[in-house]
């Protein structure tokens, strides 16, 4: 963890007392902890939900609910949190991949995409989410909606990251 002086610069605040205020809030929320020497560290708190079995996506299964494991959702969805970020999806170009407007995409930076990966890419100055397809030495970005044409970068293609998971909330 950075020192309080480093956090002043990182957070863009004017004093260590402001940093101390927010650090104490994070300690109260059990997201940070202090050891006996006063050093800060992240807690081992994770978001876990009980795994109670399987369900058929067809005819109902007669099996009873049985606790089979606890699944840490943060670890399940984000393999490398230090290089991952979230984006909210707009538009409908990836609907046949099951990605809808309003979904949250978990994106991993600094990962080389393979053909078939869904990527976040800057193409000739504009950002998009599409399938990454390598055709020989060329790269084509393909939508998952027939309404949209393939994208063939003319000047520049920069991969911002590979989509590793998508989260959809059905009800509040």
N, C-alpha and C. Protein backbone atom coordinates (compact mmCIF):
# COMPACT_ATOMS: atom_id res chain seq x y z
N UNK A 1 0.86 -1.18 0.00
CA UNK A 1 0.00 0.00 0.00
C UNK A 1 0.89 1.23 0.00
N UNK A 2 0.44 2.28 -0.67
CA UNK A 2 1.21 3.52 -0.66
C UNK A 2 1.14 4.19 0.71
N UNK A 3 2.12 5.05 0.98
CA UNK A 3 2.12 5.82 2.22
C UNK A 3 1.05 6.90 2.14
N UNK A 4 0.75 7.51 3.29
CA UNK A 4 -0.23 8.59 3.30
C UNK A 4 0.23 9.73 2.39
N UNK A 5 1.53 10.06 2.43
CA UNK A 5 2.06 11.13 1.59
C UNK A 5 1.89 10.78 0.11
N UNK A 6 2.12 9.53 -0.25
CA UNK A 6 1.91 9.12 -1.64
C UNK A 6 0.43 9.18 -2.01
N UNK A 7 -0.45 8.81 -1.06
CA UNK A 7 -1.88 8.84 -1.33
C UNK A 7 -2.39 10.27 -1.54
N UNK A 8 -1.76 11.26 -0.90
CA UNK A 8 -2.14 12.66 -1.12
C UNK A 8 -2.02 12.97 -2.61
N UNK A 9 -0.90 12.55 -3.22
CA UNK A 9 -0.68 12.80 -4.65
C UNK A 9 -1.58 11.94 -5.52
N UNK A 10 -1.70 10.66 -5.18
CA UNK A 10 -2.52 9.73 -5.98
C UNK A 10 -3.97 10.17 -6.00
N UNK A 11 -4.51 10.55 -4.83
CA UNK A 11 -5.91 10.92 -4.72
C UNK A 11 -6.19 12.37 -5.09
N UNK A 12 -5.12 13.17 -5.22
CA UNK A 12 -5.30 14.56 -5.59
C UNK A 12 -5.93 15.40 -4.50
N UNK A 13 -5.62 15.07 -3.23
CA UNK A 13 -6.15 15.85 -2.11
C UNK A 13 -5.04 16.72 -1.55
N UNK A 14 -5.38 17.60 -0.61
CA UNK A 14 -4.41 18.58 -0.14
C UNK A 14 -3.69 18.20 1.15
N UNK A 15 -4.22 17.20 1.90
CA UNK A 15 -3.57 16.90 3.17
C UNK A 15 -3.69 15.43 3.54
N UNK A 16 -2.79 15.03 4.46
CA UNK A 16 -2.82 13.66 4.97
C UNK A 16 -4.05 13.42 5.83
N UNK A 17 -4.61 14.49 6.41
CA UNK A 17 -5.81 14.30 7.25
C UNK A 17 -6.99 13.86 6.40
N UNK A 18 -7.07 14.32 5.16
CA UNK A 18 -8.14 13.88 4.27
C UNK A 18 -7.93 12.40 3.93
N UNK A 19 -6.69 12.02 3.66
CA UNK A 19 -6.37 10.62 3.39
C UNK A 19 -6.73 9.77 4.61
N UNK A 20 -6.37 10.24 5.81
CA UNK A 20 -6.66 9.51 7.04
C UNK A 20 -8.17 9.31 7.21
N UNK A 21 -8.96 10.33 6.90
CA UNK A 21 -10.41 10.23 7.00
C UNK A 21 -10.92 9.08 6.14
N UNK A 22 -10.48 9.04 4.87
CA UNK A 22 -10.97 8.03 3.94
C UNK A 22 -10.39 6.65 4.26
N UNK A 23 -9.17 6.59 4.71
CA UNK A 23 -8.60 5.30 5.11
C UNK A 23 -9.41 4.72 6.26
N UNK A 24 -9.76 5.54 7.23
CA UNK A 24 -10.57 5.06 8.36
C UNK A 24 -11.95 4.59 7.91
N UNK A 25 -12.54 5.27 6.92
CA UNK A 25 -13.82 4.81 6.36
C UNK A 25 -13.66 3.42 5.73
N UNK A 26 -12.56 3.20 5.01
CA UNK A 26 -12.30 1.90 4.38
C UNK A 26 -12.01 0.82 5.42
N UNK A 27 -11.38 1.21 6.52
CA UNK A 27 -11.15 0.26 7.62
C UNK A 27 -12.49 -0.11 8.26
N UNK A 28 -13.35 0.90 8.50
CA UNK A 28 -14.67 0.63 9.07
C UNK A 28 -15.51 -0.28 8.17
N UNK A 29 -15.33 -0.14 6.85
CA UNK A 29 -16.07 -0.98 5.90
C UNK A 29 -15.40 -2.34 5.71
N UNK A 30 -14.32 -2.57 6.46
CA UNK A 30 -13.58 -3.83 6.43
C UNK A 30 -12.98 -4.14 5.06
N UNK A 31 -12.60 -3.08 4.34
CA UNK A 31 -11.93 -3.24 3.06
C UNK A 31 -10.41 -3.09 3.21
N UNK A 32 -10.00 -2.33 4.24
CA UNK A 32 -8.59 -2.19 4.60
C UNK A 32 -8.41 -2.58 6.06
N UNK A 33 -7.17 -2.94 6.42
CA UNK A 33 -6.86 -3.20 7.82
C UNK A 33 -5.46 -2.67 8.11
N UNK A 34 -5.22 -2.35 9.40
CA UNK A 34 -3.91 -1.89 9.85
C UNK A 34 -3.31 -2.95 10.75
N UNK A 35 -2.01 -3.21 10.57
CA UNK A 35 -1.34 -4.14 11.48
C UNK A 35 -0.82 -3.38 12.69
N UNK A 36 -0.10 -4.06 13.61
CA UNK A 36 0.38 -3.41 14.83
C UNK A 36 1.39 -2.31 14.55
N UNK A 37 2.05 -2.36 13.40
CA UNK A 37 3.02 -1.33 13.02
C UNK A 37 2.35 -0.16 12.30
N UNK A 38 1.03 -0.24 12.08
CA UNK A 38 0.31 0.83 11.41
C UNK A 38 0.31 0.72 9.89
N UNK A 39 0.84 -0.38 9.35
CA UNK A 39 0.86 -0.57 7.90
C UNK A 39 -0.52 -1.02 7.42
N UNK A 40 -0.91 -0.48 6.28
CA UNK A 40 -2.21 -0.80 5.70
C UNK A 40 -2.10 -1.98 4.75
N UNK A 41 -3.17 -2.76 4.69
CA UNK A 41 -3.25 -3.82 3.69
C UNK A 41 -4.72 -4.05 3.38
N UNK A 42 -4.96 -4.65 2.21
CA UNK A 42 -6.32 -5.01 1.84
C UNK A 42 -6.77 -6.18 2.70
N UNK A 43 -8.03 -6.21 3.05
CA UNK A 43 -8.55 -7.35 3.80
C UNK A 43 -8.78 -8.50 2.83
N UNK A 44 -9.00 -9.66 3.36
CA UNK A 44 -9.28 -10.84 2.54
C UNK A 44 -10.77 -10.97 2.26
N UNK A 45 -11.51 -9.91 2.56
CA UNK A 45 -12.97 -9.93 2.36
C UNK A 45 -13.27 -10.10 0.87
N UNK A 46 -14.10 -11.06 0.57
CA UNK A 46 -14.51 -11.28 -0.81
C UNK A 46 -16.02 -11.39 -0.87
N UNK A 47 -16.53 -11.26 -2.04
CA UNK A 47 -17.95 -11.38 -2.29
C UNK A 47 -18.20 -12.82 -2.70
N UNK A 48 -18.79 -13.61 -1.81
CA UNK A 48 -18.99 -15.03 -2.08
C UNK A 48 -20.47 -15.38 -1.94
N UNK A 49 -20.93 -16.24 -2.81
CA UNK A 49 -22.31 -16.70 -2.83
C UNK A 49 -22.29 -18.22 -2.77
N UNK A 50 -23.20 -18.86 -2.01
CA UNK A 50 -23.21 -20.31 -1.96
C UNK A 50 -23.55 -20.93 -3.31
N UNK A 51 -22.79 -21.94 -3.70
CA UNK A 51 -23.10 -22.75 -4.89
C UNK A 51 -23.93 -23.91 -4.37
N UNK A 52 -25.16 -24.02 -4.85
CA UNK A 52 -26.06 -25.03 -4.30
C UNK A 52 -26.36 -26.18 -5.25
N UNK A 53 -25.70 -26.22 -6.39
CA UNK A 53 -25.91 -27.33 -7.31
C UNK A 53 -26.01 -26.86 -8.73
N UNK A 54 -26.66 -27.66 -9.58
CA UNK A 54 -26.81 -27.37 -10.99
C UNK A 54 -28.28 -27.24 -11.32
N UNK A 55 -28.57 -26.60 -12.45
CA UNK A 55 -29.94 -26.53 -12.92
C UNK A 55 -29.93 -26.74 -14.42
N UNK A 56 -30.88 -27.54 -14.89
CA UNK A 56 -31.02 -27.74 -16.32
C UNK A 56 -31.70 -26.54 -16.93
N UNK A 57 -31.24 -26.15 -18.08
CA UNK A 57 -31.90 -25.06 -18.80
C UNK A 57 -32.89 -25.69 -19.78
N UNK A 58 -33.73 -26.52 -19.27
CA UNK A 58 -34.72 -27.23 -20.07
C UNK A 58 -35.79 -27.72 -19.12
N UNK A 59 -35.95 -29.03 -19.02
CA UNK A 59 -36.92 -29.60 -18.11
C UNK A 59 -36.41 -29.52 -16.67
N UNK A 60 -37.30 -29.31 -15.71
CA UNK A 60 -36.88 -29.20 -14.31
C UNK A 60 -36.19 -30.48 -13.81
N UNK A 61 -35.21 -30.26 -12.94
CA UNK A 61 -34.49 -31.37 -12.33
C UNK A 61 -35.10 -31.66 -10.96
N UNK A 62 -35.29 -32.93 -10.59
CA UNK A 62 -35.90 -33.24 -9.30
C UNK A 62 -34.92 -33.13 -8.13
N UNK A 63 -33.65 -32.82 -8.40
CA UNK A 63 -32.66 -32.78 -7.32
C UNK A 63 -33.00 -31.68 -6.32
N UNK A 64 -32.71 -31.97 -5.05
CA UNK A 64 -32.93 -30.98 -4.01
C UNK A 64 -31.73 -30.06 -3.93
N UNK A 65 -31.95 -28.88 -3.35
CA UNK A 65 -30.90 -27.91 -3.18
C UNK A 65 -29.90 -28.43 -2.15
N UNK A 66 -28.65 -28.52 -2.54
CA UNK A 66 -27.59 -28.99 -1.65
C UNK A 66 -26.42 -28.04 -1.78
N UNK A 67 -25.91 -27.54 -0.65
CA UNK A 67 -24.75 -26.66 -0.66
C UNK A 67 -23.55 -27.46 -1.13
N UNK A 68 -22.96 -27.06 -2.27
CA UNK A 68 -21.81 -27.80 -2.76
C UNK A 68 -20.52 -27.01 -2.64
N UNK A 69 -20.60 -25.68 -2.50
CA UNK A 69 -19.37 -24.89 -2.40
C UNK A 69 -19.75 -23.43 -2.21
N UNK A 70 -18.77 -22.61 -1.86
CA UNK A 70 -18.92 -21.16 -1.88
C UNK A 70 -18.08 -20.66 -3.03
N UNK A 71 -18.65 -19.81 -3.86
CA UNK A 71 -17.93 -19.27 -5.01
C UNK A 71 -17.70 -17.78 -4.76
N UNK A 72 -16.44 -17.38 -4.77
CA UNK A 72 -16.07 -15.98 -4.63
C UNK A 72 -16.30 -15.31 -5.98
N UNK A 73 -17.31 -14.45 -6.04
CA UNK A 73 -17.67 -13.84 -7.32
C UNK A 73 -16.56 -12.94 -7.86
N UNK A 74 -15.87 -12.23 -6.98
CA UNK A 74 -14.79 -11.37 -7.49
C UNK A 74 -13.67 -12.20 -8.09
N UNK A 75 -13.30 -13.31 -7.45
CA UNK A 75 -12.25 -14.16 -8.00
C UNK A 75 -12.74 -14.91 -9.25
N UNK A 76 -14.00 -15.29 -9.29
CA UNK A 76 -14.56 -16.00 -10.43
C UNK A 76 -14.61 -15.10 -11.68
N UNK A 77 -15.01 -13.85 -11.47
CA UNK A 77 -15.19 -12.95 -12.60
C UNK A 77 -13.93 -12.17 -12.99
N UNK A 78 -13.03 -11.94 -12.04
CA UNK A 78 -11.86 -11.10 -12.31
C UNK A 78 -10.60 -11.86 -11.92
N UNK A 79 -9.96 -12.45 -12.93
CA UNK A 79 -8.75 -13.24 -12.67
C UNK A 79 -7.56 -12.35 -12.31
N UNK A 80 -7.47 -11.18 -12.92
CA UNK A 80 -6.34 -10.28 -12.69
C UNK A 80 -6.87 -8.87 -12.38
N UNK A 81 -7.26 -8.62 -11.13
CA UNK A 81 -7.85 -7.31 -10.80
C UNK A 81 -6.92 -6.14 -11.04
N UNK A 82 -5.62 -6.37 -10.95
CA UNK A 82 -4.65 -5.28 -11.13
C UNK A 82 -4.60 -4.77 -12.56
N UNK A 83 -5.09 -5.56 -13.52
CA UNK A 83 -5.10 -5.13 -14.93
C UNK A 83 -6.50 -5.13 -15.52
N UNK A 84 -7.53 -5.15 -14.68
CA UNK A 84 -8.90 -5.21 -15.18
C UNK A 84 -9.67 -3.94 -14.86
N UNK A 85 -10.68 -3.68 -15.70
CA UNK A 85 -11.57 -2.54 -15.47
C UNK A 85 -12.95 -2.89 -16.02
N UNK A 86 -13.94 -2.06 -15.67
CA UNK A 86 -15.33 -2.25 -16.12
C UNK A 86 -15.71 -1.19 -17.14
N UNK A 87 -16.53 -1.58 -18.09
CA UNK A 87 -17.15 -0.65 -19.02
C UNK A 87 -18.64 -0.99 -19.11
N UNK A 88 -19.48 0.03 -19.21
CA UNK A 88 -20.90 -0.22 -19.43
C UNK A 88 -21.14 -0.23 -20.93
N UNK A 89 -21.86 -1.23 -21.39
CA UNK A 89 -22.10 -1.43 -22.82
C UNK A 89 -23.21 -0.51 -23.30
N UNK A 90 -22.97 0.13 -24.45
CA UNK A 90 -24.01 0.87 -25.15
C UNK A 90 -24.10 0.29 -26.55
N UNK A 91 -25.26 0.35 -27.14
CA UNK A 91 -25.44 -0.14 -28.49
C UNK A 91 -25.79 -1.62 -28.54
N UNK A 92 -26.03 -2.12 -29.77
CA UNK A 92 -26.51 -3.48 -29.95
C UNK A 92 -25.65 -4.31 -30.90
N UNK A 93 -24.41 -3.90 -31.13
CA UNK A 93 -23.59 -4.61 -32.11
C UNK A 93 -23.11 -5.98 -31.64
N UNK A 94 -23.27 -6.31 -30.36
CA UNK A 94 -22.78 -7.60 -29.86
C UNK A 94 -23.91 -8.47 -29.30
N UNK A 95 -25.15 -8.22 -29.73
CA UNK A 95 -26.29 -8.93 -29.15
C UNK A 95 -26.26 -10.43 -29.41
N UNK A 96 -25.75 -10.87 -30.54
CA UNK A 96 -25.71 -12.31 -30.80
C UNK A 96 -24.61 -13.02 -30.01
N UNK A 97 -23.75 -12.24 -29.34
CA UNK A 97 -22.78 -12.80 -28.40
C UNK A 97 -23.37 -12.78 -26.99
N UNK A 98 -24.63 -12.33 -26.88
CA UNK A 98 -25.29 -12.27 -25.57
C UNK A 98 -24.93 -11.03 -24.78
N UNK A 99 -24.37 -10.03 -25.43
CA UNK A 99 -23.97 -8.79 -24.75
C UNK A 99 -24.97 -7.71 -25.14
N UNK A 100 -25.68 -7.19 -24.13
CA UNK A 100 -26.78 -6.24 -24.36
C UNK A 100 -26.43 -4.86 -23.80
N UNK A 101 -27.15 -3.87 -24.30
CA UNK A 101 -26.98 -2.52 -23.79
C UNK A 101 -27.27 -2.51 -22.29
N UNK A 102 -26.41 -1.84 -21.54
CA UNK A 102 -26.55 -1.76 -20.09
C UNK A 102 -25.73 -2.79 -19.34
N UNK A 103 -25.28 -3.84 -20.03
CA UNK A 103 -24.42 -4.84 -19.37
C UNK A 103 -23.11 -4.19 -18.94
N UNK A 104 -22.46 -4.80 -17.97
CA UNK A 104 -21.12 -4.38 -17.57
C UNK A 104 -20.12 -5.39 -18.12
N UNK A 105 -19.14 -4.89 -18.85
CA UNK A 105 -18.10 -5.76 -19.40
C UNK A 105 -16.86 -5.64 -18.53
N UNK A 106 -16.32 -6.79 -18.12
CA UNK A 106 -15.05 -6.82 -17.41
C UNK A 106 -13.97 -7.00 -18.46
N UNK A 107 -13.03 -6.09 -18.48
CA UNK A 107 -12.01 -6.04 -19.53
C UNK A 107 -10.63 -6.18 -18.88
N UNK A 108 -9.80 -7.04 -19.46
CA UNK A 108 -8.43 -7.21 -18.99
C UNK A 108 -7.48 -6.54 -19.97
N UNK A 109 -6.71 -5.55 -19.46
CA UNK A 109 -5.71 -4.86 -20.29
C UNK A 109 -4.47 -5.75 -20.42
N UNK A 110 -3.59 -5.34 -21.32
CA UNK A 110 -2.27 -5.97 -21.48
C UNK A 110 -2.38 -7.47 -21.74
N UNK A 111 -3.39 -7.88 -22.46
CA UNK A 111 -3.57 -9.28 -22.81
C UNK A 111 -3.65 -9.37 -24.33
N UNK A 112 -2.85 -10.23 -24.92
CA UNK A 112 -2.87 -10.39 -26.36
C UNK A 112 -4.12 -11.14 -26.77
N UNK A 113 -4.93 -10.54 -27.66
CA UNK A 113 -6.16 -11.22 -28.06
C UNK A 113 -5.88 -12.34 -29.06
N UNK A 114 -6.71 -13.36 -28.99
CA UNK A 114 -6.68 -14.45 -29.95
C UNK A 114 -7.91 -14.31 -30.84
N UNK A 115 -7.86 -14.91 -32.01
CA UNK A 115 -9.02 -14.89 -32.89
C UNK A 115 -10.23 -15.45 -32.16
N UNK A 116 -11.32 -14.71 -32.21
CA UNK A 116 -12.55 -15.11 -31.53
C UNK A 116 -12.77 -14.40 -30.21
N UNK A 117 -11.71 -13.79 -29.64
CA UNK A 117 -11.88 -13.02 -28.41
C UNK A 117 -12.71 -11.77 -28.69
N UNK A 118 -13.45 -11.33 -27.70
CA UNK A 118 -14.15 -10.05 -27.79
C UNK A 118 -13.22 -9.01 -27.19
N UNK A 119 -12.97 -7.95 -27.95
CA UNK A 119 -12.01 -6.94 -27.52
C UNK A 119 -12.64 -5.56 -27.46
N UNK A 120 -11.98 -4.69 -26.71
CA UNK A 120 -12.25 -3.27 -26.73
C UNK A 120 -11.10 -2.70 -27.55
N UNK A 121 -11.43 -2.01 -28.64
CA UNK A 121 -10.38 -1.55 -29.55
C UNK A 121 -10.63 -0.12 -29.99
N UNK A 122 -9.54 0.60 -30.17
CA UNK A 122 -9.60 1.93 -30.78
C UNK A 122 -9.22 1.75 -32.24
N UNK A 123 -10.17 2.05 -33.11
CA UNK A 123 -9.97 1.88 -34.54
C UNK A 123 -10.06 3.25 -35.20
N UNK A 124 -8.94 3.68 -35.76
CA UNK A 124 -8.91 4.97 -36.46
C UNK A 124 -9.54 6.07 -35.62
N UNK A 125 -9.23 6.07 -34.32
CA UNK A 125 -9.67 7.14 -33.42
C UNK A 125 -11.00 6.92 -32.71
N UNK A 126 -11.70 5.81 -32.97
CA UNK A 126 -12.98 5.55 -32.30
C UNK A 126 -12.95 4.21 -31.58
N UNK A 127 -13.55 4.16 -30.37
CA UNK A 127 -13.55 2.95 -29.56
C UNK A 127 -14.77 2.09 -29.88
N UNK A 128 -14.57 0.77 -29.83
CA UNK A 128 -15.65 -0.17 -30.10
C UNK A 128 -15.40 -1.49 -29.39
N UNK A 129 -16.45 -2.29 -29.27
CA UNK A 129 -16.35 -3.66 -28.76
C UNK A 129 -16.74 -4.59 -29.90
N UNK A 130 -15.84 -5.50 -30.28
CA UNK A 130 -16.11 -6.41 -31.38
C UNK A 130 -15.31 -7.70 -31.20
N UNK A 131 -15.63 -8.70 -32.03
CA UNK A 131 -14.81 -9.91 -32.11
C UNK A 131 -13.50 -9.57 -32.80
N UNK A 132 -12.41 -10.10 -32.29
CA UNK A 132 -11.09 -9.94 -32.89
C UNK A 132 -10.85 -11.13 -33.81
N UNK A 133 -10.55 -10.86 -35.08
CA UNK A 133 -10.31 -11.94 -36.03
C UNK A 133 -9.04 -11.62 -36.81
N UNK A 134 -8.08 -12.51 -36.73
CA UNK A 134 -6.83 -12.34 -37.48
C UNK A 134 -6.97 -13.11 -38.78
N UNK A 135 -6.74 -12.41 -39.89
CA UNK A 135 -6.79 -13.02 -41.23
C UNK A 135 -5.44 -12.76 -41.88
N UNK A 136 -4.54 -13.76 -41.74
CA UNK A 136 -3.16 -13.57 -42.21
C UNK A 136 -2.49 -12.52 -41.36
N UNK A 137 -1.99 -11.47 -41.99
CA UNK A 137 -1.33 -10.38 -41.26
C UNK A 137 -2.30 -9.26 -40.91
N UNK A 138 -3.52 -9.36 -41.40
CA UNK A 138 -4.53 -8.33 -41.16
C UNK A 138 -5.44 -8.71 -39.99
N UNK A 139 -6.01 -7.71 -39.38
CA UNK A 139 -6.99 -7.92 -38.31
C UNK A 139 -8.31 -7.31 -38.76
N UNK A 140 -9.37 -8.05 -38.54
CA UNK A 140 -10.73 -7.58 -38.82
C UNK A 140 -11.49 -7.63 -37.51
N UNK A 141 -12.31 -6.62 -37.28
CA UNK A 141 -13.18 -6.61 -36.11
C UNK A 141 -14.60 -6.87 -36.59
N UNK A 142 -15.22 -7.91 -36.00
CA UNK A 142 -16.54 -8.33 -36.46
C UNK A 142 -17.59 -8.13 -35.37
N UNK A 143 -18.73 -7.58 -35.78
CA UNK A 143 -19.85 -7.40 -34.86
C UNK A 143 -20.57 -8.74 -34.69
N UNK A 144 -21.34 -8.83 -33.62
CA UNK A 144 -22.19 -10.00 -33.39
C UNK A 144 -23.63 -9.60 -33.66
N UNK A 145 -23.83 -8.86 -34.74
CA UNK A 145 -25.14 -8.41 -35.17
C UNK A 145 -25.03 -8.16 -36.67
N UNK A 146 -25.81 -8.85 -37.48
CA UNK A 146 -25.68 -8.72 -38.94
C UNK A 146 -25.97 -7.32 -39.47
N UNK A 147 -26.55 -6.44 -38.65
CA UNK A 147 -26.80 -5.06 -39.09
C UNK A 147 -25.50 -4.27 -39.28
N UNK A 148 -24.40 -4.75 -38.70
CA UNK A 148 -23.16 -3.98 -38.70
C UNK A 148 -22.10 -4.65 -39.58
N UNK A 149 -21.40 -3.86 -40.40
CA UNK A 149 -20.35 -4.43 -41.25
C UNK A 149 -19.08 -4.71 -40.46
N UNK A 150 -18.21 -5.54 -41.04
CA UNK A 150 -16.89 -5.77 -40.46
C UNK A 150 -16.11 -4.46 -40.48
N UNK A 151 -15.22 -4.32 -39.52
CA UNK A 151 -14.37 -3.13 -39.46
C UNK A 151 -12.96 -3.53 -39.86
N UNK A 152 -12.44 -2.84 -40.88
CA UNK A 152 -11.08 -3.06 -41.35
C UNK A 152 -10.30 -1.79 -41.03
N UNK A 153 -9.43 -1.84 -40.01
CA UNK A 153 -8.69 -0.62 -39.65
C UNK A 153 -7.91 -0.07 -40.84
N UNK A 154 -8.03 1.23 -41.06
CA UNK A 154 -7.31 1.87 -42.17
C UNK A 154 -5.95 2.39 -41.72
N UNK A 155 -5.95 3.15 -40.63
CA UNK A 155 -4.71 3.77 -40.18
C UNK A 155 -4.18 3.14 -38.88
N UNK A 156 -5.08 2.96 -37.92
CA UNK A 156 -4.63 2.59 -36.59
C UNK A 156 -5.58 1.60 -35.92
N UNK A 157 -4.99 0.64 -35.24
CA UNK A 157 -5.75 -0.29 -34.40
C UNK A 157 -5.00 -0.45 -33.10
N UNK A 158 -5.68 -0.13 -32.01
CA UNK A 158 -5.07 -0.27 -30.68
C UNK A 158 -6.04 -1.07 -29.82
N UNK A 159 -5.56 -2.19 -29.28
CA UNK A 159 -6.39 -3.03 -28.43
C UNK A 159 -6.31 -2.49 -27.00
N UNK A 160 -7.48 -2.13 -26.46
CA UNK A 160 -7.54 -1.62 -25.09
C UNK A 160 -7.66 -2.74 -24.08
N UNK A 161 -8.14 -3.91 -24.51
CA UNK A 161 -8.26 -5.06 -23.61
C UNK A 161 -9.17 -6.11 -24.19
N UNK A 162 -9.16 -7.25 -23.51
CA UNK A 162 -9.98 -8.41 -23.90
C UNK A 162 -11.12 -8.54 -22.88
N UNK A 163 -12.33 -8.69 -23.38
CA UNK A 163 -13.49 -8.87 -22.50
C UNK A 163 -13.41 -10.28 -21.91
N UNK A 164 -13.42 -10.37 -20.58
CA UNK A 164 -13.30 -11.66 -19.91
C UNK A 164 -14.61 -12.12 -19.28
N UNK A 165 -15.54 -11.19 -19.06
CA UNK A 165 -16.84 -11.54 -18.49
C UNK A 165 -17.81 -10.40 -18.73
N UNK A 166 -19.09 -10.72 -18.68
CA UNK A 166 -20.14 -9.71 -18.80
C UNK A 166 -21.14 -9.95 -17.67
N UNK A 167 -21.57 -8.87 -17.06
CA UNK A 167 -22.52 -8.95 -15.95
C UNK A 167 -23.81 -8.26 -16.37
N UNK A 168 -24.93 -8.92 -16.13
CA UNK A 168 -26.23 -8.35 -16.43
C UNK A 168 -27.09 -8.41 -15.18
N UNK A 169 -27.72 -7.31 -14.87
CA UNK A 169 -28.62 -7.26 -13.73
C UNK A 169 -30.04 -7.24 -14.25
N UNK A 170 -30.85 -8.21 -13.85
CA UNK A 170 -32.22 -8.31 -14.33
C UNK A 170 -33.20 -7.49 -13.48
N UNK A 171 -33.00 -7.49 -12.17
CA UNK A 171 -33.91 -6.79 -11.27
C UNK A 171 -33.09 -6.02 -10.25
N UNK A 172 -33.66 -4.94 -9.75
CA UNK A 172 -32.98 -4.18 -8.70
C UNK A 172 -33.42 -4.63 -7.35
